[in-house]
Amino acid sequence: MNKVLYFNTLFTIYAELLTKKEQNIFSLYYEENLSLSEIAENLKISRSAVYNTVKIVERKLENYEQKLRVSAKNELLKEVIEEPIKEKLKQEIQKILE
């Protein structure tokens, strides 16, 4: 999995554990694909502050995933769904993933 997809996946899961400022900067960088300089200019902060926030959020997301393993569990459940199993069980697992 590439870095952008990996962090976007983790962000989708753990965004609510971040501050609003962290969420905003991370979203602008990873989801809106703005450069550090563009974000800094838009938010009227330094480029290094944006860079530091992005790195802090990356570490936080990786730490959350290491401890909680929500993304890893979702991937395992998705693999199980792909295997031939009873339809009712498959539907129940899909509900969990939603």
N, C-alpha and C. Protein backbone atom coordinates (compact mmCIF):
# COMPACT_ATOMS: atom_id res chain seq x y z
N MET A 1 0.85 -1.18 0.00
CA MET A 1 0.00 0.00 0.00
C MET A 1 0.90 1.24 0.00
N ASN A 2 0.60 2.19 -0.87
CA ASN A 2 1.44 3.39 -0.91
C ASN A 2 1.16 4.29 0.29
N LYS A 3 2.08 5.20 0.52
CA LYS A 3 2.04 6.05 1.72
C LYS A 3 0.76 6.88 1.81
N VAL A 4 0.35 7.49 0.71
CA VAL A 4 -0.83 8.35 0.72
C VAL A 4 -2.08 7.53 1.05
N LEU A 5 -2.24 6.40 0.39
CA LEU A 5 -3.39 5.53 0.65
C LEU A 5 -3.37 5.03 2.09
N TYR A 6 -2.20 4.62 2.56
CA TYR A 6 -2.05 4.12 3.92
C TYR A 6 -2.50 5.17 4.95
N PHE A 7 -1.96 6.39 4.83
CA PHE A 7 -2.30 7.42 5.81
C PHE A 7 -3.74 7.90 5.65
N ASN A 8 -4.26 7.94 4.43
CA ASN A 8 -5.67 8.30 4.26
C ASN A 8 -6.59 7.27 4.90
N THR A 9 -6.22 6.00 4.79
CA THR A 9 -6.99 4.93 5.43
C THR A 9 -6.98 5.11 6.95
N LEU A 10 -5.80 5.32 7.50
CA LEU A 10 -5.71 5.51 8.95
C LEU A 10 -6.44 6.78 9.39
N PHE A 11 -6.34 7.83 8.59
CA PHE A 11 -7.02 9.09 8.92
C PHE A 11 -8.53 8.91 8.96
N THR A 12 -9.05 8.15 8.02
CA THR A 12 -10.49 7.87 7.99
C THR A 12 -10.94 7.21 9.29
N ILE A 13 -10.11 6.33 9.81
CA ILE A 13 -10.45 5.59 11.02
C ILE A 13 -10.25 6.43 12.29
N TYR A 14 -9.13 7.13 12.36
CA TYR A 14 -8.72 7.75 13.62
C TYR A 14 -8.82 9.28 13.66
N ALA A 15 -9.39 9.90 12.67
CA ALA A 15 -9.41 11.37 12.59
C ALA A 15 -9.99 12.02 13.85
N GLU A 16 -11.02 11.42 14.41
CA GLU A 16 -11.67 12.03 15.58
C GLU A 16 -10.76 12.06 16.82
N LEU A 17 -9.67 11.33 16.78
CA LEU A 17 -8.73 11.34 17.91
C LEU A 17 -7.72 12.48 17.79
N LEU A 18 -7.77 13.20 16.69
CA LEU A 18 -6.85 14.31 16.44
C LEU A 18 -7.54 15.63 16.75
N THR A 19 -6.72 16.66 16.95
CA THR A 19 -7.29 17.99 17.14
C THR A 19 -7.84 18.49 15.81
N LYS A 20 -8.69 19.50 15.86
CA LYS A 20 -9.25 20.08 14.62
C LYS A 20 -8.14 20.65 13.75
N LYS A 21 -7.15 21.28 14.36
CA LYS A 21 -6.02 21.84 13.61
C LYS A 21 -5.26 20.71 12.90
N GLU A 22 -4.99 19.63 13.62
CA GLU A 22 -4.29 18.50 13.02
C GLU A 22 -5.11 17.91 11.87
N GLN A 23 -6.40 17.76 12.10
CA GLN A 23 -7.28 17.22 11.05
C GLN A 23 -7.24 18.10 9.81
N ASN A 24 -7.33 19.40 10.01
CA ASN A 24 -7.36 20.33 8.88
C ASN A 24 -6.06 20.27 8.08
N ILE A 25 -4.93 20.37 8.74
CA ILE A 25 -3.64 20.37 8.05
C ILE A 25 -3.42 19.03 7.35
N PHE A 26 -3.71 17.95 8.03
CA PHE A 26 -3.52 16.63 7.43
C PHE A 26 -4.41 16.47 6.20
N SER A 27 -5.65 16.89 6.30
CA SER A 27 -6.59 16.79 5.19
C SER A 27 -6.13 17.62 4.00
N LEU A 28 -5.67 18.82 4.26
CA LEU A 28 -5.18 19.67 3.16
C LEU A 28 -3.98 19.03 2.47
N TYR A 29 -3.11 18.43 3.24
CA TYR A 29 -1.89 17.84 2.69
C TYR A 29 -2.16 16.51 1.97
N TYR A 30 -2.85 15.60 2.63
CA TYR A 30 -3.05 14.25 2.07
C TYR A 30 -4.29 14.11 1.19
N GLU A 31 -5.37 14.78 1.53
CA GLU A 31 -6.60 14.62 0.76
C GLU A 31 -6.73 15.66 -0.35
N GLU A 32 -6.35 16.90 -0.05
CA GLU A 32 -6.45 17.97 -1.06
C GLU A 32 -5.17 18.10 -1.88
N ASN A 33 -4.11 17.41 -1.45
CA ASN A 33 -2.83 17.38 -2.16
C ASN A 33 -2.19 18.77 -2.30
N LEU A 34 -2.38 19.61 -1.29
CA LEU A 34 -1.71 20.91 -1.29
C LEU A 34 -0.29 20.74 -0.79
N SER A 35 0.59 21.60 -1.26
CA SER A 35 1.98 21.57 -0.80
C SER A 35 2.07 22.18 0.60
N LEU A 36 3.20 21.93 1.25
CA LEU A 36 3.42 22.51 2.58
C LEU A 36 3.36 24.04 2.50
N SER A 37 3.95 24.59 1.46
CA SER A 37 3.95 26.05 1.28
C SER A 37 2.55 26.60 1.06
N GLU A 38 1.75 25.91 0.27
CA GLU A 38 0.38 26.35 0.02
C GLU A 38 -0.45 26.34 1.31
N ILE A 39 -0.28 25.30 2.08
CA ILE A 39 -1.01 25.19 3.35
C ILE A 39 -0.56 26.31 4.30
N ALA A 40 0.74 26.50 4.39
CA ALA A 40 1.29 27.55 5.26
C ALA A 40 0.74 28.92 4.87
N GLU A 41 0.72 29.19 3.58
CA GLU A 41 0.21 30.48 3.11
C GLU A 41 -1.28 30.64 3.42
N ASN A 42 -2.06 29.59 3.17
CA ASN A 42 -3.50 29.65 3.42
C ASN A 42 -3.83 29.82 4.89
N LEU A 43 -3.06 29.17 5.76
CA LEU A 43 -3.34 29.21 7.19
C LEU A 43 -2.55 30.29 7.93
N LYS A 44 -1.68 30.97 7.19
CA LYS A 44 -0.87 32.05 7.77
C LYS A 44 0.02 31.53 8.91
N ILE A 45 0.65 30.39 8.64
CA ILE A 45 1.63 29.82 9.57
C ILE A 45 2.88 29.46 8.78
N SER A 46 3.93 29.09 9.46
CA SER A 46 5.18 28.78 8.76
C SER A 46 5.10 27.41 8.09
N ARG A 47 5.91 27.27 7.07
CA ARG A 47 6.01 25.99 6.36
C ARG A 47 6.49 24.90 7.31
N SER A 48 7.43 25.25 8.19
CA SER A 48 7.94 24.25 9.14
C SER A 48 6.87 23.82 10.14
N ALA A 49 5.97 24.72 10.49
CA ALA A 49 4.87 24.35 11.39
C ALA A 49 3.94 23.35 10.71
N VAL A 50 3.70 23.56 9.43
CA VAL A 50 2.87 22.61 8.66
C VAL A 50 3.58 21.26 8.60
N TYR A 51 4.85 21.28 8.24
CA TYR A 51 5.63 20.04 8.14
C TYR A 51 5.62 19.29 9.47
N ASN A 52 5.88 19.99 10.55
CA ASN A 52 5.90 19.36 11.87
C ASN A 52 4.55 18.75 12.22
N THR A 53 3.47 19.45 11.91
CA THR A 53 2.13 18.94 12.19
C THR A 53 1.85 17.68 11.39
N VAL A 54 2.21 17.69 10.12
CA VAL A 54 2.00 16.50 9.27
C VAL A 54 2.76 15.31 9.85
N LYS A 55 4.01 15.52 10.25
CA LYS A 55 4.82 14.43 10.81
C LYS A 55 4.26 13.95 12.15
N ILE A 56 3.80 14.87 12.98
CA ILE A 56 3.20 14.50 14.27
C ILE A 56 1.95 13.65 14.03
N VAL A 57 1.11 14.07 13.09
CA VAL A 57 -0.12 13.33 12.80
C VAL A 57 0.22 11.95 12.23
N GLU A 58 1.19 11.86 11.35
CA GLU A 58 1.60 10.56 10.82
C GLU A 58 2.01 9.62 11.96
N ARG A 59 2.80 10.14 12.88
CA ARG A 59 3.24 9.31 14.02
C ARG A 59 2.05 8.90 14.90
N LYS A 60 1.14 9.85 15.14
CA LYS A 60 -0.04 9.54 15.94
C LYS A 60 -0.88 8.45 15.28
N LEU A 61 -1.13 8.59 13.99
CA LEU A 61 -1.94 7.61 13.27
C LEU A 61 -1.30 6.22 13.31
N GLU A 62 0.01 6.18 13.10
CA GLU A 62 0.71 4.89 13.16
C GLU A 62 0.64 4.31 14.57
N ASN A 63 0.76 5.16 15.58
CA ASN A 63 0.69 4.71 16.97
C ASN A 63 -0.70 4.17 17.30
N TYR A 64 -1.76 4.89 16.87
CA TYR A 64 -3.12 4.42 17.09
C TYR A 64 -3.32 3.05 16.43
N GLU A 65 -2.85 2.92 15.21
CA GLU A 65 -3.03 1.65 14.49
C GLU A 65 -2.23 0.53 15.16
N GLN A 66 -1.05 0.83 15.61
CA GLN A 66 -0.22 -0.17 16.28
C GLN A 66 -0.92 -0.69 17.54
N LYS A 67 -1.57 0.21 18.26
CA LYS A 67 -2.23 -0.19 19.50
C LYS A 67 -3.62 -0.78 19.27
N LEU A 68 -4.40 -0.18 18.39
CA LEU A 68 -5.80 -0.59 18.21
C LEU A 68 -6.03 -1.56 17.05
N ARG A 69 -5.20 -1.49 16.04
CA ARG A 69 -5.21 -2.41 14.89
C ARG A 69 -6.56 -2.46 14.15
N VAL A 70 -7.28 -1.35 14.12
CA VAL A 70 -8.57 -1.31 13.45
C VAL A 70 -8.42 -1.55 11.95
N SER A 71 -7.47 -0.89 11.33
CA SER A 71 -7.26 -1.06 9.88
C SER A 71 -6.86 -2.49 9.56
N ALA A 72 -5.96 -3.04 10.34
CA ALA A 72 -5.52 -4.42 10.10
C ALA A 72 -6.68 -5.40 10.25
N LYS A 73 -7.52 -5.19 11.24
CA LYS A 73 -8.68 -6.06 11.45
C LYS A 73 -9.67 -5.92 10.31
N ASN A 74 -9.86 -4.69 9.82
CA ASN A 74 -10.75 -4.48 8.67
C ASN A 74 -10.24 -5.24 7.45
N GLU A 75 -8.94 -5.20 7.23
CA GLU A 75 -8.36 -5.91 6.08
C GLU A 75 -8.57 -7.42 6.20
N LEU A 76 -8.40 -7.94 7.40
CA LEU A 76 -8.62 -9.38 7.62
C LEU A 76 -10.08 -9.75 7.38
N LEU A 77 -10.99 -8.91 7.87
CA LEU A 77 -12.41 -9.17 7.64
C LEU A 77 -12.74 -9.13 6.15
N LYS A 78 -12.15 -8.20 5.43
CA LYS A 78 -12.39 -8.11 3.98
C LYS A 78 -11.89 -9.37 3.28
N GLU A 79 -10.76 -9.90 3.71
CA GLU A 79 -10.24 -11.14 3.14
C GLU A 79 -11.21 -12.30 3.39
N VAL A 80 -11.77 -12.36 4.59
CA VAL A 80 -12.72 -13.42 4.92
C VAL A 80 -13.96 -13.32 4.03
N ILE A 81 -14.41 -12.11 3.78
CA ILE A 81 -15.59 -11.91 2.94
C ILE A 81 -15.36 -12.44 1.53
N GLU A 82 -14.14 -12.34 1.05
CA GLU A 82 -13.83 -12.79 -0.30
C GLU A 82 -13.88 -14.32 -0.44
N GLU A 83 -13.72 -15.01 0.65
CA GLU A 83 -13.76 -16.47 0.62
C GLU A 83 -15.22 -16.94 0.59
N PRO A 84 -15.47 -18.11 -0.01
CA PRO A 84 -16.85 -18.61 -0.04
C PRO A 84 -17.32 -19.00 1.37
N ILE A 85 -18.27 -18.23 1.90
CA ILE A 85 -18.85 -18.52 3.20
C ILE A 85 -20.36 -18.32 3.11
N LYS A 86 -21.04 -18.70 4.14
CA LYS A 86 -22.48 -18.57 4.15
C LYS A 86 -22.88 -17.10 3.96
N GLU A 87 -23.91 -16.88 3.19
CA GLU A 87 -24.34 -15.53 2.83
C GLU A 87 -24.70 -14.69 4.06
N LYS A 88 -25.39 -15.27 5.03
CA LYS A 88 -25.79 -14.51 6.22
C LYS A 88 -24.56 -14.01 6.98
N LEU A 89 -23.56 -14.87 7.16
CA LEU A 89 -22.34 -14.46 7.84
C LEU A 89 -21.64 -13.36 7.05
N LYS A 90 -21.61 -13.50 5.76
CA LYS A 90 -21.01 -12.50 4.90
C LYS A 90 -21.70 -11.15 5.08
N GLN A 91 -23.02 -11.13 5.13
CA GLN A 91 -23.78 -9.90 5.31
C GLN A 91 -23.51 -9.27 6.67
N GLU A 92 -23.39 -10.10 7.69
CA GLU A 92 -23.11 -9.59 9.04
C GLU A 92 -21.73 -8.94 9.10
N ILE A 93 -20.76 -9.55 8.47
CA ILE A 93 -19.41 -8.98 8.45
C ILE A 93 -19.41 -7.67 7.68
N GLN A 94 -20.14 -7.61 6.58
CA GLN A 94 -20.22 -6.37 5.81
C GLN A 94 -20.85 -5.25 6.64
N LYS A 95 -21.84 -5.57 7.47
CA LYS A 95 -22.45 -4.57 8.34
C LYS A 95 -21.40 -4.01 9.32
N ILE A 96 -20.57 -4.89 9.82
CA ILE A 96 -19.51 -4.48 10.76
C ILE A 96 -18.56 -3.51 10.09
N LEU A 97 -18.23 -3.77 8.85
CA LEU A 97 -17.28 -2.92 8.12
C LEU A 97 -17.87 -1.57 7.76
N GLU A 98 -19.15 -1.45 7.70
CA GLU A 98 -19.79 -0.18 7.34
C GLU A 98 -19.83 0.68 8.53
